[in-house]
Amino acid sequence: MGTADTQAEESDLLSELPTAEGNAMWEIFSDYVPGYRFQFAVGGLASVIARFLELLPALILGLAIDTFFRDDGGSFAAEMAVVPASWFPSGESAQFLTVVGIIVGLYLVVAALNWVNGWAWNHFAQHLQHEVRTDTYNAVQGLDMAFFDDRQTGEIMSVLNNDVNQLEDFFTRDLNTFIRIAVLVVGVAAITLWVNWQFALVALVSVPMLAVASHVFVQVIQPKYQTVRSSVGRLNARLENNIGGIDVIKAYNREPYESARVEQSSQSYLDANWDAITTRIKFFPSLRVITGIGFGLTFLVGGWWVLNGPPLVFTRELSLGFFITFLLYSRRFLWPMRQFGEIINDYEYARAASERVFGLRHYTPGVADRSDATALTDVRGDVSYEGVTFSYDDEPEIRDVSFEAGAGEMVGLVGATGAGKTTLMRLLMRLYPIDEGAIRVDGRDIREVTRESLRDAIGYVSQEPFLFHGSIRENIAYGARDIDGRAAASVESGWQPGTNTDDGTDEGDDEADTGQIDLGVPEAEIVRAAKTAGAWEFIEELPDGLDTVVGERGVKLSGGQRQRVSLARALIKDPEILILDEATSHVDNETEVLIKNNLSELVADRTTFVIAHRLSTVRDADTILVLDDGEVVERGTHEELLARDGLYANLWSVQVGELDALPQEFIERTAAREASTFTDD
């Protein structure tokens, strides 16, 4: 696949997400404001009042100039017609000091209101950010595996982190600033029209010009910010992918190649962002020019007006004091109008982010509980597949598979890589939707039961075991049932992250503080599961035992150790149905024997599905299913399949080293399959 094709594919990683019929940011905003009406209302009201009070000193100053610095014997109390004259002292000096006190008092009140606004508004915005992120994560967590198969982790992380943060920035800073500007425009317009409506028409001439310029900017910048947000996601995906595979990069000396790929992704982001920046830096100076023209026109016409009387068609007188008031208001317009451009810029950026957040929140998963789904209870473990067919990207993966597994039976699944073994078991867990047929547990169609209750009855060990960053204790306890209830009880008892509740001490361990909470699982249960999985032998040799921190993805443990911890995690659940997908592929022969001996007791009373390339693992299975290209081509016991001398017998010959006994047709087909798998990958 060429570079251009790769970029095109990556750019469409989130292209199939649903889009809002209206404004996605408004929908997100309206979803969360009701929960914080008080903070939102208090913060908004404090901002409105504070901005209005900030306008009064300029008006009072104009009145004071016309009162105290002219010789017509006027009274400030008389000029201040909206306030009763009895509120002011009679002497001129006393009135002057009163004016000074009023102005200082106004600024003190404004400072207090700004504090109220800052507290309430940030409380609202920070909690909105928290809830949007957690709700979006919960929505992502509920999606089926097909969604994640098509998308890179870094792309989704970009939405959950960068895009949500962009929304918080807008609601914390820009929305509050917009209210200030709105109050400024309305307040200045109201005051100036009240003082001298004719001169106000001149002073406010820049407002409609600014509105037109802003509208043009929005139309141009909006698609560019969509491109920027997408390029950020692709860059994050590339970085996340490379950091996760750093050991492979180093092992194959591919640092220069990966540096080039990161540089390419970063260059795409640079190009998209620079395109938006060049548009933005043209817009902001234009605002300054417009506001500068407005201020110059106000000074020119107003100065002429004061010196020579009303010009042209104007008839009202303009005093020096009010002329200065108008100039102060015009100057007040310069900075907020420049901020208005930044608000529009940030709004479009946040709107692009909200579209991606909205898309994740409203994506319809292929696997979802029906409205009438009920819990699967008292599970025996009878499993049946009835003509099950499943396709991925229109390519058949499972073809008309039917079989039954009675409660307590062990079923082995064998076949070449890509035969569909793992996919068949993932359908049982409803990680993917079935196209045709049905899967039943205890006679109930799994589509008629809740996913939670179905998966609660299943223990699963994957062929590539994943361990969370944390202790071995946490990773094994993670599989226990009702850990939500146990963890809640632990939190209520006062447990805090970084403490060790098992040794009775409250000393924190910074290294073990992994962000998880105590899962409340008794140590005896954890040890028993570890012993059954063959993990206890190496765990007790570690310096910190169960409290050993395994690192991200369990990197501090070997592959076999990770697999045994993963197996213990499944066994502590004591599930009615157990799925082992190459559960011993990373362990040595001695450990495999140990695990098999321990498992023999456990699988005796539970339905167990064992996927294996090592056929010795399934030799004692009640039934062995041989899959080839998504179909069950053979079934029976080990002895029956060997006697049939078919595909299973050939696979057995490969394992025991009897290569000379293999038919040429089998060798050629295996080579063709490997070539096809490589090409598809």
Foldseek 3Di string as FASTA:
>chain_A
DDPVVVVVLLLCLLVPFDFDPDFLLVVLVVVQCVVQVPLVVLLLVLLLVLLLLVLVLLVLQLLCCVAVVDDPNDDSLVVPVVDHSVVFDDDPVRNVVVSVVSNVVSVVSSVVSVVSNLVSQLVSLVVSLVVLLVLLVVLLVPFFVLSVVSHFPLLVVLLSPVLSVLSSVLSNPLVSLVSSVVSLVVSVLVVCCVVPVVLSCLLCVLVVVLVVLLVVLLVPQLVLLLQLSSLSSSLRRLVVVCVVVVVVCVVVVVVVVSVVVSVVSVVSNVVSVVVNVVSLVVSLVVLLVSLVVSLVRLCVQLVCCQVPNHPDPDHDHDHPSVSSSSNVSSVVCNVSSSSVSVSSVSVSNSSSSSRSSSSSSPPDHQAAADPQAAADPPFQAKKWWAQWWDDRPNHTQAGGATDIFGQLFEEEEEEDPSLNQVVVVVVQLVSDDTPDTFMDGVRHGPNRHHSVNSVLQEFEFAQQFFAAFAFLLCRQLVLAPPLVVQQVVQVVVPFDAQADVPVPDGDGDVNRRPVDTPSNDDVVLLCVLLQLLLQQVVQVVDPVRRRDGQPGRSVNDFRQNSLSSSSSSRVSHLHQEYEAHQSRVRPDPVSVVSNLVSCVVSSRRHYYYYYDLQVVSCQPGQKYFYGGSNYGPDMGHNVVVCVVVDPSVLSVCVNVVVPVPHDPVVVVVVVVVVVVVVVVD
